[in-house]
């Protein structure tokens, strides 16, 4: 079975990309996997460096014509909306694993689960739900009357499609499109491409791929294996750190090791590796640490 790990970056995310690649390569299980990178604004030198490391690098695409007014020079959005077209950009693989450039692999068990899920149902995803996470939706109140519902799906589906679609999606937890795995022959790809083209006509470019993945799963019942949060831990909920094992773990029992860490909610840390945050250790002490991968080659 030929497997490709696919990611994407622009020149600003290049340091994060290098850290992700280093976190993958340190696991011997990655030796038989191909790494593909969607160019969403890398410099020519960065592209040449990546190619010299035997990575596949292809340019991202715009699935439909988009005006300059909507794009505002944000070529990095190709990293988002090119995802449903991965089999066309990197053909002839049996399985594809997508990892955002601001993720890194701590424990290979997450990759194994992603592949197992894709083999089982065609698609493996990680919903943004965990007992440690906060609210997934919000509602404003006018006295005792709830109004103005807000959630990722509701806000984006109402703009891209209609109120009916938004209402149907509102109760569901968001499926995070930053980490997933899909079989190369899964029927999901074609439908995802159709939905994202529709969403891009009126909706937000930035959120189109995540919105339409959720529509495909929740509203159209495309099969998907839902994996636990350690397979894509959103770091805006801080993990615990085990100094004896030198690894991040989930904050509550049984303190399972986190497989993939996703630097969500840390804009300053993503742009500057020297930025630190308070992290609680298993002994209860608090230390200043970075959540970025710490063993990347300089």
Foldseek 3Di string as FASTA:
>chain_A
DAEEEEEEDACLLLVLLLLQVVLQVVDPVCPRYAYEYEYQHYDPVSVVVCVVVVHHYYYFDDLDDDDCVQCVPRSNLSRPLRVLVVCVRPPDGFKYKYAYSQKHFDACVLVVVQVVQCVVQQKAFAFPDDPLDDDQWDWDDDVPRTDDIDHPLLVFCCFLPRNVRSVQLRVDTFTDPNTMMGTSPAPVSVQLSVQLVSSVVGGRSNCSSRNSVSCCCRVVPRDYHHDYCLSEPEPVRPFAAEVVVGFTFHNDPPRHTRGMYGPPPCPPCSSPVVQWDWHAYPVGDTDTDRPGNDPRDD
